[in-house]
C-alpha atoms as a PDB file:
ATOM      1  CA  MET A   1     -13.402   7.259  35.268  1.00  0.00           C
ATOM      2  CA  LYS A   2     -11.465   4.050  35.982  1.00  0.00           C
ATOM      3  CA  ARG A   3     -12.572   1.646  33.558  1.00  0.00           C
ATOM      4  CA  LEU A   4     -11.726   4.981  30.811  1.00  0.00           C
ATOM      5  CA  PHE A   5      -8.534   4.913  32.296  1.00  0.00           C
ATOM      6  CA  THR A   6      -7.859   1.233  31.848  1.00  0.00           C
ATOM      7  CA  LEU A   7      -9.559   1.147  27.529  1.00  0.00           C
ATOM      8  CA  ALA A   8      -7.456   4.593  26.905  1.00  0.00           C
ATOM      9  CA  PHE A   9      -4.184   2.729  28.921  1.00  0.00           C
ATOM     10  CA  GLY A  10      -4.572  -0.865  26.754  1.00  0.00           C
ATOM     11  CA  ALA A  11      -4.761   1.305  23.965  1.00  0.00           C
ATOM     12  CA  LEU A  12      -2.145   2.694  24.377  1.00  0.00           C
ATOM     13  CA  LEU A  13      -0.810  -0.571  24.891  1.00  0.00           C
ATOM     14  CA  PHE A  14      -2.424  -1.983  21.417  1.00  0.00           C
ATOM     15  CA  THR A  15      -0.731   1.050  19.839  1.00  0.00           C
ATOM     16  CA  ALA A  16       2.994   0.269  21.177  1.00  0.00           C
ATOM     17  CA  CYS A  17       2.621  -3.440  19.411  1.00  0.00           C
ATOM     18  CA  THR A  18       2.267  -1.914  16.125  1.00  0.00           C
ATOM     19  CA  GLU A  19       5.460  -2.112  14.106  1.00  0.00           C
ATOM     20  CA  THR A  20       5.044  -0.992  10.484  1.00  0.00           C
ATOM     21  CA  HIS A  21       8.790  -1.339   9.154  1.00  0.00           C
ATOM     22  CA  LEU A  22       9.979  -0.274   5.196  1.00  0.00           C
ATOM     23  CA  THR A  23      13.219  -2.137   3.978  1.00  0.00           C
ATOM     24  CA  VAL A  24      14.161  -0.283   0.281  1.00  0.00           C
ATOM     25  CA  SER A  25      16.781  -3.371  -1.245  1.00  0.00           C
ATOM     26  CA  SER A  26      17.987  -1.619  -4.035  1.00  0.00           C
ATOM     27  CA  LYS A  27      17.986   2.156  -5.683  1.00  0.00           C
ATOM     28  CA  LYS A  28      19.183   3.647  -8.073  1.00  0.00           C
ATOM     29  CA  GLN A  29      20.136   7.246  -7.937  1.00  0.00           C
ATOM     30  CA  PRO A  30      17.631   9.969  -9.925  1.00  0.00           C
ATOM     31  CA  THR A  31      19.212  12.798 -11.837  1.00  0.00           C
ATOM     32  CA  MET A  32      15.468  14.514 -11.929  1.00  0.00           C
ATOM     33  CA  PRO A  33      12.640  13.452  -9.936  1.00  0.00           C
ATOM     34  CA  TYR A  34       9.527  11.949 -11.978  1.00  0.00           C
ATOM     35  CA  THR A  35       6.898  14.460 -12.374  1.00  0.00           C
ATOM     36  CA  ARG A  36       3.565  12.210 -13.290  1.00  0.00           C
ATOM     37  CA  VAL A  37       3.956   8.674 -11.891  1.00  0.00           C
ATOM     38  CA  LEU A  38       1.247   6.224 -12.225  1.00  0.00           C
ATOM     39  CA  ALA A  39      -0.054   4.075  -9.562  1.00  0.00           C
ATOM     40  CA  VAL A  40      -0.482   0.170  -9.912  1.00  0.00           C
ATOM     41  CA  TYR A  41      -1.601  -1.545  -6.744  1.00  0.00           C
ATOM     42  CA  LEU A  42      -1.710  -6.281  -7.562  1.00  0.00           C
ATOM     43  CA  GLU A  43      -2.800  -8.325  -5.551  1.00  0.00           C
ATOM     44  CA  GLN A  44       0.081 -10.636  -6.149  1.00  0.00           C
ATOM     45  CA  ALA A  45       3.757  -9.701  -5.889  1.00  0.00           C
ATOM     46  CA  CYS A  46       5.434 -10.448  -8.664  1.00  0.00           C
ATOM     47  CA  ASP A  47       9.400  -9.918 -10.086  1.00  0.00           C
ATOM     48  CA  PHE A  48       9.843  -6.958 -12.300  1.00  0.00           C
ATOM     49  CA  SER A  49      13.762  -7.369 -12.363  1.00  0.00           C
ATOM     50  CA  LEU A  50      13.172  -7.805 -15.708  1.00  0.00           C
ATOM     51  CA  PHE A  51       9.776  -5.600 -16.581  1.00  0.00           C
ATOM     52  CA  ASP A  52       9.093  -6.737 -20.106  1.00  0.00           C
ATOM     53  CA  SER A  53       5.616  -8.097 -22.641  1.00  0.00           C
ATOM     54  CA  THR A  54       5.453 -10.908 -20.527  1.00  0.00           C
ATOM     55  CA  ALA A  55       5.935  -9.731 -17.637  1.00  0.00           C
ATOM     56  CA  TYR A  56       2.582  -7.263 -18.410  1.00  0.00           C
ATOM     57  CA  ASN A  57       1.111 -10.355 -19.441  1.00  0.00           C
ATOM     58  CA  ILE A  58       1.157 -12.316 -16.057  1.00  0.00           C
ATOM     59  CA  CYS A  59       0.907  -9.777 -13.102  1.00  0.00           C
ATOM     60  CA  LEU A  60      -0.534  -6.149 -15.172  1.00  0.00           C
ATOM     61  CA  LYS A  61      -3.056  -8.240 -16.954  1.00  0.00           C
ATOM     62  CA  SER A  62      -4.972 -10.130 -15.558  1.00  0.00           C
ATOM     63  CA  SER A  63      -4.837  -7.360 -13.016  1.00  0.00           C
ATOM     64  CA  PHE A  64      -6.339  -4.564 -14.508  1.00  0.00           C
ATOM     65  CA  LEU A  65      -8.631  -8.423 -16.494  1.00  0.00           C
ATOM     66  CA  ASN A  66      -9.931  -8.907 -13.078  1.00  0.00           C
ATOM     67  CA  ALA A  67     -13.059  -6.826 -12.944  1.00  0.00           C
ATOM     68  CA  ASP A  68     -14.334  -7.727  -8.930  1.00  0.00           C
ATOM     69  CA  GLY A  69     -11.098  -6.247  -7.740  1.00  0.00           C
ATOM     70  CA  ILE A  70     -11.338  -3.063  -8.944  1.00  0.00           C
ATOM     71  CA  GLY A  71     -13.078  -1.677  -6.094  1.00  0.00           C
ATOM     72  CA  LEU A  72     -10.219  -2.407  -3.621  1.00  0.00           C
ATOM     73  CA  ARG A  73      -7.841  -1.308  -7.383  1.00  0.00           C
ATOM     74  CA  ARG A  74      -8.898   1.811  -7.227  1.00  0.00           C
ATOM     75  CA  ARG A  75      -9.062   2.366  -3.107  1.00  0.00           C
ATOM     76  CA  VAL A  76      -5.580   1.617  -2.383  1.00  0.00           C
ATOM     77  CA  GLU A  77      -4.111   3.072  -5.628  1.00  0.00           C
ATOM     78  CA  GLY A  78      -6.858   6.632  -4.289  1.00  0.00           C
ATOM     79  CA  ARG A  79      -4.140   6.749  -0.938  1.00  0.00           C
ATOM     80  CA  ILE A  80      -1.022   5.875  -2.730  1.00  0.00           C
ATOM     81  CA  LYS A  81      -1.917   8.805  -4.892  1.00  0.00           C
ATOM     82  CA  LYS A  82      -3.109  10.816  -2.053  1.00  0.00           C
ATOM     83  CA  HIS A  83       0.207  10.212  -0.736  1.00  0.00           C
ATOM     84  CA  LEU A  84       2.499  10.324  -2.903  1.00  0.00           C
ATOM     85  CA  ALA A  85       1.839  13.283  -5.053  1.00  0.00           C
ATOM     86  CA  THR A  86       2.755  16.604  -4.648  1.00  0.00           C
ATOM     87  CA  ARG A  87       2.850  19.810  -6.312  1.00  0.00           C
ATOM     88  CA  GLY A  88       5.502  19.018  -8.496  1.00  0.00           C
ATOM     89  CA  THR A  89       4.353  15.491  -9.037  1.00  0.00           C
ATOM     90  CA  ILE A  90       1.109  13.854 -10.554  1.00  0.00           C
ATOM     91  CA  VAL A  91      -0.274  10.536  -9.436  1.00  0.00           C
ATOM     92  CA  LEU A  92      -2.622   8.729 -12.381  1.00  0.00           C
ATOM     93  CA  GLN A  93      -4.100   5.587 -10.619  1.00  0.00           C
ATOM     94  CA  SER A  94      -4.256   2.525 -13.231  1.00  0.00           C
ATOM     95  CA  SER A  95      -7.784   1.206 -11.902  1.00  0.00           C
ATOM     96  CA  ASP A  96      -8.683   5.220 -14.061  1.00  0.00           C
ATOM     97  CA  LEU A  97      -7.079   3.739 -17.372  1.00  0.00           C
ATOM     98  CA  PHE A  98      -7.325   0.265 -17.637  1.00  0.00           C
ATOM     99  CA  ASP A  99      -9.687  -1.799 -17.022  1.00  0.00           C
ATOM    100  CA  ALA A 100     -10.887  -5.299 -18.692  1.00  0.00           C
ATOM    101  CA  ASP A 101     -11.467  -3.827 -21.892  1.00  0.00           C
ATOM    102  CA  ASN A 102      -8.351  -1.605 -22.190  1.00  0.00           C
ATOM    103  CA  ASN A 103      -5.299  -4.106 -21.384  1.00  0.00           C
ATOM    104  CA  ASP A 104      -3.275  -5.167 -23.874  1.00  0.00           C
ATOM    105  CA  TYR A 105       0.229  -4.201 -23.679  1.00  0.00           C
ATOM    106  CA  SER A 106       0.045  -2.697 -26.805  1.00  0.00           C
ATOM    107  CA  TYR A 107      -2.197   0.110 -25.279  1.00  0.00           C
ATOM    108  CA  PHE A 108      -0.496   0.263 -21.991  1.00  0.00           C
ATOM    109  CA  ARG A 109       2.705   1.487 -23.627  1.00  0.00           C
ATOM    110  CA  ARG A 110       0.484   3.635 -25.776  1.00  0.00           C
ATOM    111  CA  SER A 111      -0.869   5.243 -23.045  1.00  0.00           C
ATOM    112  CA  ILE A 112       2.320   5.600 -20.879  1.00  0.00           C
ATOM    113  CA  ASP A 113       2.995   7.788 -23.837  1.00  0.00           C
ATOM    114  CA  SER A 114       0.341   9.550 -24.966  1.00  0.00           C
ATOM    115  CA  LEU A 115       0.673  11.406 -21.204  1.00  0.00           C
ATOM    116  CA  HIS A 116       3.733  11.958 -20.440  1.00  0.00           C
ATOM    117  CA  ILE A 117       4.183   8.577 -17.803  1.00  0.00           C
ATOM    118  CA  ASP A 118       7.354   9.441 -16.884  1.00  0.00           C
ATOM    119  CA  ALA A 119       7.107   6.390 -14.087  1.00  0.00           C
ATOM    120  CA  ILE A 120       5.245   3.576 -12.706  1.00  0.00           C
ATOM    121  CA  LEU A 121       5.024   2.426  -8.999  1.00  0.00           C
ATOM    122  CA  MET A 122       4.218  -1.074  -8.904  1.00  0.00           C
ATOM    123  CA  ILE A 123       3.131  -2.618  -4.834  1.00  0.00           C
ATOM    124  CA  GLY A 124       2.915  -6.179  -5.020  1.00  0.00           C
ATOM    125  CA  LEU A 125       0.618  -7.822  -2.112  1.00  0.00           C
ATOM    126  CA  ARG A 126       3.254 -11.021  -0.608  1.00  0.00           C
ATOM    127  CA  SER A 127       1.532 -12.273   1.817  1.00  0.00           C
ATOM    128  CA  TYR A 128      -1.778 -10.949   4.503  1.00  0.00           C
ATOM    129  CA  SER A 129      -2.892 -13.146   7.323  1.00  0.00           C
ATOM    130  CA  HIS A 130      -4.434 -11.631  10.799  1.00  0.00           C
ATOM    131  CA  GLU A 131      -3.843 -12.756  14.483  1.00  0.00           C
ATOM    132  CA  GLU A 132      -6.846 -13.516  16.179  1.00  0.00           C
ATOM    133  CA  HIS A 133      -6.739 -11.868  19.887  1.00  0.00           C
ATOM    134  CA  MET A 134      -8.940 -11.631  22.882  1.00  0.00           C
ATOM    135  CA  THR A 135      -8.753  -7.874  24.950  1.00  0.00           C
ATOM    136  CA  MET A 136      -9.104  -8.235  28.901  1.00  0.00           C
ATOM    137  CA  ALA A 137     -12.787  -8.037  30.690  1.00  0.00           C
ATOM    138  CA  VAL A 138     -13.182  -5.164  33.247  1.00  0.00           C
ATOM    139  CA  ASN A 139     -14.559  -6.261  36.345  1.00  0.00           C
ATOM    140  CA  PRO A 140     -17.736  -3.960  37.406  1.00  0.00           C
ATOM    141  CA  ASN A 141     -16.823  -1.249  40.188  1.00  0.00           C
ATOM    142  CA  PRO A 142     -19.827   0.390  42.065  1.00  0.00           C
ATOM    143  CA  ALA A 143     -18.165   3.072  43.129  1.00  0.00           C
ATOM    144  CA  THR A 144     -17.553   4.720  40.336  1.00  0.00           C
ATOM    145  CA  ASN A 145     -20.409   2.891  39.383  1.00  0.00           C
ATOM    146  CA  SER A 146     -19.022   0.978  35.867  1.00  0.00           C
ATOM    147  CA  PRO A 147     -20.013  -2.029  34.260  1.00  0.00           C
ATOM    148  CA  TYR A 148     -19.006  -5.177  33.825  1.00  0.00           C
ATOM    149  CA  VAL A 149     -17.169  -5.075  30.070  1.00  0.00           C
ATOM    150  CA  PRO A 150     -17.099  -8.848  28.987  1.00  0.00           C
ATOM    151  CA  ALA A 151     -13.509  -9.692  27.428  1.00  0.00           C
ATOM    152  CA  GLN A 152     -13.782  -9.472  23.296  1.00  0.00           C
ATOM    153  CA  PRO A 153     -12.528 -11.035  20.767  1.00  0.00           C
ATOM    154  CA  TYR A 154     -10.767  -8.736  18.271  1.00  0.00           C
ATOM    155  CA  LYS A 155      -8.086  -9.383  15.027  1.00  0.00           C
ATOM    156  CA  THR A 156      -5.055  -8.049  13.955  1.00  0.00           C
ATOM    157  CA  LEU A 157      -2.776  -7.448  10.535  1.00  0.00           C
ATOM    158  CA  ASN A 158       0.929  -9.513   9.448  1.00  0.00           C
ATOM    159  CA  ALA A 159       0.949  -8.029   5.649  1.00  0.00           C
ATOM    160  CA  PHE A 160       3.795  -7.512   3.818  1.00  0.00           C
ATOM    161  CA  PHE A 161       4.235  -6.281   0.216  1.00  0.00           C
ATOM    162  CA  ILE A 162       7.011  -5.442  -2.940  1.00  0.00           C
ATOM    163  CA  CYS A 163       6.982  -2.688  -3.910  1.00  0.00           C
ATOM    164  CA  ASP A 164       9.359  -1.542  -7.468  1.00  0.00           C
ATOM    165  CA  LEU A 165       9.527   2.379  -8.771  1.00  0.00           C
ATOM    166  CA  ILE A 166      10.341   1.644 -12.351  1.00  0.00           C
ATOM    167  CA  ASN A 167      11.249   4.657 -14.598  1.00  0.00           C
ATOM    168  CA  THR A 168       9.189   4.297 -18.532  1.00  0.00           C
ATOM    169  CA  LYS A 169      11.921   5.364 -20.658  1.00  0.00           C
ATOM    170  CA  SER A 170      13.802   2.518 -19.624  1.00  0.00           C
ATOM    171  CA  LEU A 171      10.434   0.050 -18.619  1.00  0.00           C
ATOM    172  CA  TYR A 172      13.508  -3.135 -17.877  1.00  0.00           C
ATOM    173  CA  ILE A 173      15.523  -3.293 -14.714  1.00  0.00           C
ATOM    174  CA  PRO A 174      13.580  -0.847 -11.435  1.00  0.00           C
ATOM    175  CA  VAL A 175      15.348   2.457  -9.827  1.00  0.00           C
ATOM    176  CA  TRP A 176      13.794   1.884  -6.748  1.00  0.00           C
ATOM    177  CA  ARG A 177      12.639  -1.465  -4.730  1.00  0.00           C
ATOM    178  CA  ALA A 178      11.098  -1.538  -1.077  1.00  0.00           C
ATOM    179  CA  GLU A 179       9.723  -3.981   1.223  1.00  0.00           C
ATOM    180  CA  VAL A 180       7.064  -2.999   3.772  1.00  0.00           C
ATOM    181  CA  GLU A 181       5.987  -4.937   6.173  1.00  0.00           C
ATOM    182  CA  GLU A 182       2.451  -4.664   8.303  1.00  0.00           C
ATOM    183  CA  LYS A 183       2.923  -6.217  12.240  1.00  0.00           C
ATOM    184  CA  GLY A 184      -0.074  -5.717  14.897  1.00  0.00           C
ATOM    185  CA  GLU A 185      -2.033  -3.053  13.478  1.00  0.00           C
ATOM    186  CA  ARG A 186      -6.039  -3.669  14.812  1.00  0.00           C
ATOM    187  CA  TYR A 187      -8.218  -5.694  11.456  1.00  0.00           C
ATOM    188  CA  THR A 188     -10.536  -3.252  10.575  1.00  0.00           C
ATOM    189  CA  GLY A 189     -12.509  -4.918   7.959  1.00  0.00           C
ATOM    190  CA  SER A 190     -10.733  -2.722   5.263  1.00  0.00           C
ATOM    191  CA  ASN A 191      -8.303  -4.755   2.796  1.00  0.00           C
ATOM    192  CA  GLY A 192      -5.172  -3.590   0.528  1.00  0.00           C
ATOM    193  CA  LEU A 193      -2.348  -1.288   1.635  1.00  0.00           C
ATOM    194  CA  ASN A 194      -3.405   0.871   4.298  1.00  0.00           C
ATOM    195  CA  ARG A 195      -2.697   4.567   5.138  1.00  0.00           C
ATOM    196  CA  LYS A 196       0.414   4.044   7.437  1.00  0.00           C
ATOM    197  CA  MET A 197       1.789   1.451   4.951  1.00  0.00           C
ATOM    198  CA  THR A 198       1.429   3.778   1.612  1.00  0.00           C
ATOM    199  CA  LYS A 199       2.247   7.310   4.323  1.00  0.00           C
ATOM    200  CA  LYS A 200       6.213   5.104   4.664  1.00  0.00           C
ATOM    201  CA  ILE A 201       6.049   4.722   1.185  1.00  0.00           C
ATOM    202  CA  ALA A 202       5.747   8.015  -0.064  1.00  0.00           C
ATOM    203  CA  GLU A 203       8.198   9.389   2.848  1.00  0.00           C
ATOM    204  CA  SER A 204      11.214   6.859   1.062  1.00  0.00           C
ATOM    205  CA  LEU A 205      10.380   8.093  -2.509  1.00  0.00           C
ATOM    206  CA  LYS A 206      10.145  12.251  -1.247  1.00  0.00           C
ATOM    207  CA  LEU A 207      13.412  11.383   0.756  1.00  0.00           C
ATOM    208  CA  SER A 208      15.241   9.846  -2.214  1.00  0.00           C
ATOM    209  CA  HIS A 209      14.308  12.607  -4.223  1.00  0.00           C
ATOM    210  CA  TYR A 210      12.440  10.456  -7.461  1.00  0.00           C
ATOM    211  CA  VAL A 211       9.352  12.690  -6.609  1.00  0.00           C
ATOM    212  CA  ALA A 212       9.268  16.549  -6.875  1.00  0.00           C
ATOM    213  CA  HIS A 213       8.455  19.047  -4.557  1.00  0.00           C
END
């Protein structure tokens, strides 16, 4: 029983040390919520202060050409869709539309128009690292028959992502920009934007009325 308490207390202490922060750096008041949003996950953070064909070719096209990254893109964009989509806003995944065979800028613009996408949410990885830690060893207790539990290594995640929401009617300037950061979350081997970060992003966009409820 004491061992269970020790492990539970350790897990609670660990959870209390984790932090997920989202900071909105700029935003424009929306006139109406967006109803069809394209989610794009990038394994690099790009400067979308001016989104044009050059920015597209440098950032988005290079990501779409990376066939090895399609699985990660699909997983992360699926998380974004799960938390962001509502009855009033449909979220589409770039991994379902653009790949190594369908990626040029004219195709991208035609897809935006034909699918009536009115906003693009782009999330790019700025930094991603792990910190090594050791759990505390638990000594045996003859009174409760609890065995010795050796110290175990584990990793925590430090991740930083840049988020841009762009109105497709005026593609050049983002209407909402934010940074989301994760510190202390236990690393489980799953890369990319995690569930806690996608929830933070979705909550901010919903509270700011960019997403229809």
